[in-house]
PDB file of all heavy atoms in Angstrom:
ATOM      1  N   GLY A   1      74.210 112.913  76.804  1.00  0.00           N
ATOM      2  CA  GLY A   1      73.892 114.319  76.880  1.00  0.00           C
ATOM      3  C   GLY A   1      74.278 115.067  75.529  1.00  0.00           C
ATOM      4  O   GLY A   1      74.599 114.381  74.590  1.00  0.00           O
ATOM      5  N   PRO A   2      74.162 116.313  75.533  1.00  0.00           N
ATOM      6  CA  PRO A   2      74.470 117.055  74.271  1.00  0.00           C
ATOM      7  C   PRO A   2      75.951 117.048  73.913  1.00  0.00           C
ATOM      8  O   PRO A   2      76.231 117.287  72.764  1.00  0.00           O
ATOM      9  CB  PRO A   2      74.070 118.472  74.625  1.00  0.00           C
ATOM     10  CG  PRO A   2      74.175 118.600  76.132  1.00  0.00           C
ATOM     11  CD  PRO A   2      73.772 117.216  76.604  1.00  0.00           C
ATOM     12  N   SER A   3      76.874 116.649  74.775  1.00  0.00           N
ATOM     13  CA  SER A   3      78.241 116.791  74.474  1.00  0.00           C
ATOM     14  C   SER A   3      79.106 115.630  74.983  1.00  0.00           C
ATOM     15  O   SER A   3      80.242 115.567  74.795  1.00  0.00           O
ATOM     16  CB  SER A   3      78.885 118.078  74.993  1.00  0.00           C
ATOM     17  OG  SER A   3      78.745 118.202  76.402  1.00  0.00           O
ATOM     18  N   MET A   4      78.434 114.591  75.631  1.00  0.00           N
ATOM     19  CA  MET A   4      79.256 113.554  76.221  1.00  0.00           C
ATOM     20  C   MET A   4      78.462 112.313  76.321  1.00  0.00           C
ATOM     21  O   MET A   4      77.218 112.286  76.272  1.00  0.00           O
ATOM     22  CB  MET A   4      79.780 113.918  77.542  1.00  0.00           C
ATOM     23  CG  MET A   4      78.764 114.131  78.644  1.00  0.00           C
ATOM     24  SD  MET A   4      79.412 114.200  80.348  1.00  0.00           S
ATOM     25  CE  MET A   4      79.607 112.460  80.692  1.00  0.00           C
ATOM     26  N   VAL A   5      79.208 111.101  76.362  1.00  0.00           N
ATOM     27  CA  VAL A   5      78.591 109.886  76.601  1.00  0.00           C
ATOM     28  C   VAL A   5      79.242 109.313  77.900  1.00  0.00           C
ATOM     29  O   VAL A   5      80.509 109.199  77.951  1.00  0.00           O
ATOM     30  CB  VAL A   5      78.806 108.881  75.449  1.00  0.00           C
ATOM     31  CG1 VAL A   5      78.238 107.528  75.795  1.00  0.00           C
ATOM     32  CG2 VAL A   5      78.128 109.528  74.137  1.00  0.00           C
ATOM     33  N   GLY A   6      78.458 108.968  78.947  1.00  0.00           N
ATOM     34  CA  GLY A   6      79.098 108.337  80.042  1.00  0.00           C
ATOM     35  C   GLY A   6      78.622 108.936  81.343  1.00  0.00           C
ATOM     36  O   GLY A   6      77.874 109.954  81.371  1.00  0.00           O
ATOM     37  N   PRO A   7      78.994 108.420  82.417  1.00  0.00           N
ATOM     38  CA  PRO A   7      78.459 108.817  83.795  1.00  0.00           C
ATOM     39  C   PRO A   7      79.200 109.950  84.429  1.00  0.00           C
ATOM     40  O   PRO A   7      78.689 110.508  85.367  1.00  0.00           O
ATOM     41  CB  PRO A   7      78.593 107.514  84.625  1.00  0.00           C
ATOM     42  CG  PRO A   7      79.846 106.960  84.031  1.00  0.00           C
ATOM     43  CD  PRO A   7      79.791 107.153  82.555  1.00  0.00           C
ATOM     44  N   SER A   8      80.302 110.347  83.921  1.00  0.00           N
ATOM     45  CA  SER A   8      81.128 111.350  84.570  1.00  0.00           C
ATOM     46  C   SER A   8      81.877 112.177  83.538  1.00  0.00           C
ATOM     47  O   SER A   8      82.617 111.581  82.738  1.00  0.00           O
ATOM     48  CB  SER A   8      82.146 110.691  85.519  1.00  0.00           C
ATOM     49  OG  SER A   8      83.132 111.580  85.902  1.00  0.00           O
ATOM     50  N   SER A   9      81.729 113.488  83.585  1.00  0.00           N
ATOM     51  CA  SER A   9      82.417 114.341  82.625  1.00  0.00           C
ATOM     52  C   SER A   9      83.928 114.227  82.804  1.00  0.00           C
ATOM     53  O   SER A   9      84.671 114.283  81.895  1.00  0.00           O
ATOM     54  CB  SER A   9      81.934 115.769  82.770  1.00  0.00           C
ATOM     55  OG  SER A   9      82.169 116.306  84.085  1.00  0.00           O
ATOM     56  N   SER A  10      84.384 114.163  84.083  1.00  0.00           N
ATOM     57  CA  SER A  10      85.839 114.084  84.340  1.00  0.00           C
ATOM     58  C   SER A  10      86.375 112.760  83.881  1.00  0.00           C
ATOM     59  O   SER A  10      87.518 112.647  83.317  1.00  0.00           O
ATOM     60  CB  SER A  10      86.137 114.279  85.815  1.00  0.00           C
ATOM     61  OG  SER A  10      85.725 115.537  86.254  1.00  0.00           O
ATOM     62  N   HIS A  11      85.667 111.616  84.165  1.00  0.00           N
ATOM     63  CA  HIS A  11      86.232 110.305  83.940  1.00  0.00           C
ATOM     64  C   HIS A  11      85.910 109.757  82.519  1.00  0.00           C
ATOM     65  O   HIS A  11      86.539 108.790  82.087  1.00  0.00           O
ATOM     66  CB  HIS A  11      85.717 109.284  84.947  1.00  0.00           C
ATOM     67  CG  HIS A  11      86.328 109.436  86.316  1.00  0.00           C
ATOM     68  ND1 HIS A  11      87.225 108.570  86.851  1.00  0.00           N
ATOM     69  CD2 HIS A  11      86.174 110.405  87.202  1.00  0.00           C
ATOM     70  CE1 HIS A  11      87.616 108.991  88.030  1.00  0.00           C
ATOM     71  NE2 HIS A  11      86.969 110.109  88.230  1.00  0.00           N
ATOM     72  N   THR A  12      84.969 110.425  81.781  1.00  0.00           N
ATOM     73  CA  THR A  12      84.698 109.957  80.471  1.00  0.00           C
ATOM     74  C   THR A  12      84.962 111.015  79.428  1.00  0.00           C
ATOM     75  O   THR A  12      85.835 110.849  78.573  1.00  0.00           O
ATOM     76  CB  THR A  12      83.245 109.378  80.309  1.00  0.00           C
ATOM     77  OG1 THR A  12      82.314 110.392  80.843  1.00  0.00           O
ATOM     78  CG2 THR A  12      83.097 108.161  81.201  1.00  0.00           C
ATOM     79  N   ALA A  13      84.200 112.101  79.423  1.00  0.00           N
ATOM     80  CA  ALA A  13      84.373 113.180  78.394  1.00  0.00           C
ATOM     81  C   ALA A  13      85.821 113.703  78.399  1.00  0.00           C
ATOM     82  O   ALA A  13      86.428 113.776  77.355  1.00  0.00           O
ATOM     83  CB  ALA A  13      83.377 114.293  78.605  1.00  0.00           C
ATOM     84  N   GLY A  14      86.380 114.047  79.574  1.00  0.00           N
ATOM     85  CA  GLY A  14      87.747 114.465  79.598  1.00  0.00           C
ATOM     86  C   GLY A  14      88.700 113.408  79.119  1.00  0.00           C
ATOM     87  O   GLY A  14      89.708 113.803  78.430  1.00  0.00           O
ATOM     88  N   ALA A  15      88.436 112.191  79.532  1.00  0.00           N
ATOM     89  CA  ALA A  15      89.360 111.150  79.076  1.00  0.00           C
ATOM     90  C   ALA A  15      89.385 110.946  77.568  1.00  0.00           C
ATOM     91  O   ALA A  15      90.369 110.660  76.939  1.00  0.00           O
ATOM     92  CB  ALA A  15      89.004 109.800  79.807  1.00  0.00           C
ATOM     93  N   VAL A  16      88.154 111.013  76.982  1.00  0.00           N
ATOM     94  CA  VAL A  16      88.068 111.006  75.539  1.00  0.00           C
ATOM     95  C   VAL A  16      88.952 112.037  74.837  1.00  0.00           C
ATOM     96  O   VAL A  16      89.750 111.811  73.916  1.00  0.00           O
ATOM     97  CB  VAL A  16      86.582 111.150  75.036  1.00  0.00           C
ATOM     98  CG1 VAL A  16      86.569 111.321  73.496  1.00  0.00           C
ATOM     99  CG2 VAL A  16      85.770 109.964  75.388  1.00  0.00           C
ATOM    100  N   ARG A  17      88.944 113.261  75.444  1.00  0.00           N
ATOM    101  CA  ARG A  17      89.682 114.334  74.843  1.00  0.00           C
ATOM    102  C   ARG A  17      91.157 114.157  74.945  1.00  0.00           C
ATOM    103  O   ARG A  17      91.932 114.504  74.077  1.00  0.00           O
ATOM    104  CB  ARG A  17      89.212 115.695  75.501  1.00  0.00           C
ATOM    105  CG  ARG A  17      87.850 116.116  75.034  1.00  0.00           C
ATOM    106  CD  ARG A  17      87.382 117.338  75.689  1.00  0.00           C
ATOM    107  NE  ARG A  17      86.254 117.863  75.075  1.00  0.00           N
ATOM    108  CZ  ARG A  17      85.464 118.922  75.561  1.00  0.00           C
ATOM    109  NH1 ARG A  17      85.781 119.467  76.691  1.00  0.00           N
ATOM    110  NH2 ARG A  17      84.340 119.252  74.903  1.00  0.00           N
ATOM    111  N   ILE A  18      91.591 113.572  76.144  1.00  0.00           N
ATOM    112  CA  ILE A  18      93.016 113.310  76.308  1.00  0.00           C
ATOM    113  C   ILE A  18      93.441 112.315  75.234  1.00  0.00           C
ATOM    114  O   ILE A  18      94.526 112.427  74.634  1.00  0.00           O
ATOM    115  CB  ILE A  18      93.327 112.694  77.743  1.00  0.00           C
ATOM    116  CG1 ILE A  18      93.066 113.897  78.687  1.00  0.00           C
ATOM    117  CG2 ILE A  18      94.719 112.284  77.857  1.00  0.00           C
ATOM    118  CD1 ILE A  18      93.101 113.429  80.192  1.00  0.00           C
ATOM    119  N   GLY A  19      92.660 111.274  75.001  1.00  0.00           N
ATOM    120  CA  GLY A  19      92.987 110.271  74.033  1.00  0.00           C
ATOM    121  C   GLY A  19      93.025 110.782  72.678  1.00  0.00           C
ATOM    122  O   GLY A  19      93.962 110.448  71.834  1.00  0.00           O
ATOM    123  N   LEU A  20      92.109 111.706  72.302  1.00  0.00           N
ATOM    124  CA  LEU A  20      92.063 112.294  70.983  1.00  0.00           C
ATOM    125  C   LEU A  20      93.283 113.200  70.733  1.00  0.00           C
ATOM    126  O   LEU A  20      93.896 113.286  69.691  1.00  0.00           O
ATOM    127  CB  LEU A  20      90.768 113.025  70.798  1.00  0.00           C
ATOM    128  CG  LEU A  20      90.521 113.646  69.398  1.00  0.00           C
ATOM    129  CD1 LEU A  20      90.612 112.597  68.370  1.00  0.00           C
ATOM    130  CD2 LEU A  20      89.103 114.334  69.348  1.00  0.00           C
ATOM    131  N   ILE A  21      93.639 114.019  71.781  1.00  0.00           N
ATOM    132  CA  ILE A  21      94.815 114.868  71.623  1.00  0.00           C
ATOM    133  C   ILE A  21      96.045 114.053  71.415  1.00  0.00           C
ATOM    134  O   ILE A  21      96.931 114.395  70.538  1.00  0.00           O
ATOM    135  CB  ILE A  21      94.985 115.778  72.898  1.00  0.00           C
ATOM    136  CG1 ILE A  21      93.839 116.789  72.877  1.00  0.00           C
ATOM    137  CG2 ILE A  21      96.349 116.447  72.916  1.00  0.00           C
ATOM    138  CD1 ILE A  21      93.802 117.652  74.191  1.00  0.00           C
ATOM    139  N   ALA A  22      96.204 112.896  72.098  1.00  0.00           N
ATOM    140  CA  ALA A  22      97.345 112.035  71.910  1.00  0.00           C
ATOM    141  C   ALA A  22      97.416 111.492  70.501  1.00  0.00           C
ATOM    142  O   ALA A  22      98.494 111.478  69.878  1.00  0.00           O
ATOM    143  CB  ALA A  22      97.362 110.906  72.902  1.00  0.00           C
ATOM    144  N   ARG A  23      96.258 111.099  70.014  1.00  0.00           N
ATOM    145  CA  ARG A  23      96.189 110.507  68.622  1.00  0.00           C
ATOM    146  C   ARG A  23      96.573 111.578  67.640  1.00  0.00           C
ATOM    147  O   ARG A  23      97.261 111.332  66.657  1.00  0.00           O
ATOM    148  CB  ARG A  23      94.776 110.032  68.364  1.00  0.00           C
ATOM    149  CG  ARG A  23      94.474 109.518  66.937  1.00  0.00           C
ATOM    150  CD  ARG A  23      93.059 109.373  66.555  1.00  0.00           C
ATOM    151  NE  ARG A  23      92.860 109.133  65.183  1.00  0.00           N
ATOM    152  CZ  ARG A  23      92.622 107.979  64.640  1.00  0.00           C
ATOM    153  NH1 ARG A  23      92.572 106.895  65.329  1.00  0.00           N
ATOM    154  NH2 ARG A  23      92.373 107.876  63.317  1.00  0.00           N
ATOM    155  N   GLN A  24      96.093 112.848  67.807  1.00  0.00           N
ATOM    156  CA  GLN A  24      96.380 113.908  66.850  1.00  0.00           C
ATOM    157  C   GLN A  24      97.814 114.325  66.962  1.00  0.00           C
ATOM    158  O   GLN A  24      98.420 114.743  65.958  1.00  0.00           O
ATOM    159  CB  GLN A  24      95.418 115.090  67.114  1.00  0.00           C
ATOM    160  CG  GLN A  24      93.983 114.746  66.736  1.00  0.00           C
ATOM    161  CD  GLN A  24      93.082 115.975  66.845  1.00  0.00           C
ATOM    162  OE1 GLN A  24      93.422 117.006  67.356  1.00  0.00           O
ATOM    163  NE2 GLN A  24      91.844 115.874  66.357  1.00  0.00           N
ATOM    164  N   LEU A  25      98.429 114.216  68.134  1.00  0.00           N
ATOM    165  CA  LEU A  25      99.863 114.546  68.197  1.00  0.00           C
ATOM    166  C   LEU A  25     100.699 113.509  67.413  1.00  0.00           C
ATOM    167  O   LEU A  25     101.657 113.858  66.744  1.00  0.00           O
ATOM    168  CB  LEU A  25     100.298 114.547  69.687  1.00  0.00           C
ATOM    169  CG  LEU A  25     101.720 114.887  69.953  1.00  0.00           C
ATOM    170  CD1 LEU A  25     102.069 116.336  69.499  1.00  0.00           C
ATOM    171  CD2 LEU A  25     102.089 114.737  71.405  1.00  0.00           C
ATOM    172  N   LEU A  26     100.256 112.236  67.429  1.00  0.00           N
ATOM    173  CA  LEU A  26     100.975 111.189  66.709  1.00  0.00           C
ATOM    174  C   LEU A  26     100.630 111.421  65.180  1.00  0.00           C
ATOM    175  O   LEU A  26     101.385 110.993  64.336  1.00  0.00           O
ATOM    176  CB  LEU A  26     100.474 109.877  67.117  1.00  0.00           C
ATOM    177  CG  LEU A  26     101.222 108.621  66.474  1.00  0.00           C
ATOM    178  CD1 LEU A  26     102.684 108.621  66.875  1.00  0.00           C
ATOM    179  CD2 LEU A  26     100.605 107.333  66.870  1.00  0.00           C
ATOM    180  N   ALA A  27      99.471 112.015  64.901  1.00  0.00           N
ATOM    181  CA  ALA A  27      99.031 112.344  63.553  1.00  0.00           C
ATOM    182  C   ALA A  27      98.524 111.085  62.736  1.00  0.00           C
ATOM    183  O   ALA A  27      98.495 111.120  61.597  1.00  0.00           O
ATOM    184  CB  ALA A  27     100.075 113.026  62.721  1.00  0.00           C
ATOM    185  N   GLU A  28      98.287 110.048  63.442  1.00  0.00           N
ATOM    186  CA  GLU A  28      97.710 108.839  62.844  1.00  0.00           C
ATOM    187  C   GLU A  28      97.226 107.842  63.916  1.00  0.00           C
ATOM    188  O   GLU A  28      97.550 108.065  65.139  1.00  0.00           O
ATOM    189  CB  GLU A  28      98.700 108.153  61.919  1.00  0.00           C
ATOM    190  CG  GLU A  28      99.899 107.531  62.566  1.00  0.00           C
ATOM    191  CD  GLU A  28     100.827 106.828  61.590  1.00  0.00           C
ATOM    192  OE1 GLU A  28     101.589 107.520  60.932  1.00  0.00           O
ATOM    193  OE2 GLU A  28     100.728 105.574  61.494  1.00  0.00           O
ATOM    194  N   GLN A  29      96.529 106.850  63.529  1.00  0.00           N
ATOM    195  CA  GLN A  29      96.141 105.786  64.474  1.00  0.00           C
ATOM    196  C   GLN A  29      97.336 104.997  64.975  1.00  0.00           C
ATOM    197  O   GLN A  29      98.147 104.532  64.116  1.00  0.00           O
ATOM    198  CB  GLN A  29      95.130 104.845  63.829  1.00  0.00           C
ATOM    199  CG  GLN A  29      94.604 103.763  64.724  1.00  0.00           C
ATOM    200  CD  GLN A  29      93.567 102.998  64.036  1.00  0.00           C
ATOM    201  OE1 GLN A  29      92.440 103.325  63.904  1.00  0.00           O
ATOM    202  NE2 GLN A  29      93.943 101.746  63.615  1.00  0.00           N
ATOM    203  N   PRO A  30      97.500 104.829  66.287  1.00  0.00           N
ATOM    204  CA  PRO A  30      98.649 104.064  66.776  1.00  0.00           C
ATOM    205  C   PRO A  30      98.424 102.591  66.618  1.00  0.00           C
ATOM    206  O   PRO A  30      97.314 102.081  66.437  1.00  0.00           O
ATOM    207  CB  PRO A  30      98.686 104.469  68.232  1.00  0.00           C
ATOM    208  CG  PRO A  30      97.175 104.700  68.552  1.00  0.00           C
ATOM    209  CD  PRO A  30      96.699 105.382  67.395  1.00  0.00           C
ATOM    210  N   VAL A  31      99.525 101.803  66.707  1.00  0.00           N
ATOM    211  CA  VAL A  31      99.423 100.338  66.709  1.00  0.00           C
ATOM    212  C   VAL A  31      99.524  99.885  68.070  1.00  0.00           C
ATOM    213  O   VAL A  31      99.041  98.725  68.421  1.00  0.00           O
ATOM    214  CB  VAL A  31     100.507  99.715  65.813  1.00  0.00           C
ATOM    215  CG1 VAL A  31     100.256 100.087  64.350  1.00  0.00           C
ATOM    216  CG2 VAL A  31     101.865 100.102  66.247  1.00  0.00           C
ATOM    217  N   SER A  32     100.100 100.599  69.043  1.00  0.00           N
ATOM    218  CA  SER A  32     100.175 100.212  70.397  1.00  0.00           C
ATOM    219  C   SER A  32     100.229 101.442  71.319  1.00  0.00           C
ATOM    220  O   SER A  32     100.757 102.475  70.891  1.00  0.00           O
ATOM    221  CB  SER A  32     101.399  99.246  70.669  1.00  0.00           C
ATOM    222  OG  SER A  32     102.593 100.031  70.557  1.00  0.00           O
ATOM    223  N   VAL A  33      99.631 101.289  72.558  1.00  0.00           N
ATOM    224  CA  VAL A  33      99.521 102.473  73.419  1.00  0.00           C
ATOM    225  C   VAL A  33      99.728 101.872  74.842  1.00  0.00           C
ATOM    226  O   VAL A  33      99.079 100.900  75.285  1.00  0.00           O
ATOM    227  CB  VAL A  33      98.231 103.153  73.393  1.00  0.00           C
ATOM    228  CG1 VAL A  33      98.291 104.412  74.249  1.00  0.00           C
ATOM    229  CG2 VAL A  33      97.901 103.576  71.932  1.00  0.00           C
ATOM    230  N   LYS A  34     100.571 102.453  75.633  1.00  0.00           N
ATOM    231  CA  LYS A  34     100.714 102.209  77.038  1.00  0.00           C
ATOM    232  C   LYS A  34     100.114 103.349  77.784  1.00  0.00           C
ATOM    233  O   LYS A  34     100.545 104.507  77.578  1.00  0.00           O
ATOM    234  CB  LYS A  34     102.163 101.952  77.431  1.00  0.00           C
ATOM    235  CG  LYS A  34     102.342 101.677  78.952  1.00  0.00           C
ATOM    236  CD  LYS A  34     103.805 101.467  79.300  1.00  0.00           C
ATOM    237  CE  LYS A  34     104.043 101.255  80.816  1.00  0.00           C
ATOM    238  NZ  LYS A  34     105.376 101.150  81.121  1.00  0.00           N
ATOM    239  N   ILE A  35      99.117 103.130  78.667  1.00  0.00           N
ATOM    240  CA  ILE A  35      98.533 104.177  79.422  1.00  0.00           C
ATOM    241  C   ILE A  35      98.651 103.948  80.936  1.00  0.00           C
ATOM    242  O   ILE A  35      98.331 102.946  81.510  1.00  0.00           O
ATOM    243  CB  ILE A  35      96.974 104.198  79.081  1.00  0.00           C
ATOM    244  CG1 ILE A  35      96.714 104.381  77.564  1.00  0.00           C
ATOM    245  CG2 ILE A  35      96.267 105.340  79.903  1.00  0.00           C
ATOM    246  CD1 ILE A  35      95.299 104.331  77.247  1.00  0.00           C
ATOM    247  N   ALA A  36      99.344 104.962  81.542  1.00  0.00           N
ATOM    248  CA  ALA A  36      99.523 104.941  83.015  1.00  0.00           C
ATOM    249  C   ALA A  36      98.447 105.855  83.617  1.00  0.00           C
ATOM    250  O   ALA A  36      98.338 106.998  83.165  1.00  0.00           O
ATOM    251  CB  ALA A  36     100.922 105.390  83.359  1.00  0.00           C
ATOM    252  N   LEU A  37      97.683 105.281  84.550  1.00  0.00           N
ATOM    253  CA  LEU A  37      96.650 106.054  85.222  1.00  0.00           C
ATOM    254  C   LEU A  37      97.143 106.465  86.660  1.00  0.00           C
ATOM    255  O   LEU A  37      97.626 105.609  87.355  1.00  0.00           O
ATOM    256  CB  LEU A  37      95.397 105.247  85.270  1.00  0.00           C
ATOM    257  CG  LEU A  37      94.824 104.820  83.892  1.00  0.00           C
ATOM    258  CD1 LEU A  37      93.676 103.857  84.049  1.00  0.00           C
ATOM    259  CD2 LEU A  37      94.428 105.994  83.068  1.00  0.00           C
ATOM    260  N   TYR A  38      96.735 107.635  87.054  1.00  0.00           N
ATOM    261  CA  TYR A  38      97.134 108.210  88.415  1.00  0.00           C
ATOM    262  C   TYR A  38      95.880 108.587  89.156  1.00  0.00           C
ATOM    263  O   TYR A  38      94.841 108.833  88.515  1.00  0.00           O
ATOM    264  CB  TYR A  38      98.037 109.402  88.155  1.00  0.00           C
ATOM    265  CG  TYR A  38      99.379 109.105  87.501  1.00  0.00           C
ATOM    266  CD1 TYR A  38      99.492 108.985  86.138  1.00  0.00           C
ATOM    267  CD2 TYR A  38     100.561 108.934  88.293  1.00  0.00           C
ATOM    268  CE1 TYR A  38     100.632 108.738  85.478  1.00  0.00           C
ATOM    269  CE2 TYR A  38     101.765 108.673  87.658  1.00  0.00           C
ATOM    270  CZ  TYR A  38     101.847 108.605  86.260  1.00  0.00           C
ATOM    271  OH  TYR A  38     103.021 108.335  85.663  1.00  0.00           O
TER     272      TYR A  38
END
């Protein structure tokens, strides 16, 4: 679509944004990431 790739805005577009915010908080590309899903 015009603003997302994937079947679900909640499960894909929103998830991309969470990952990007985490990357920007670190201020660089991480070498390891542990992700807990709820």
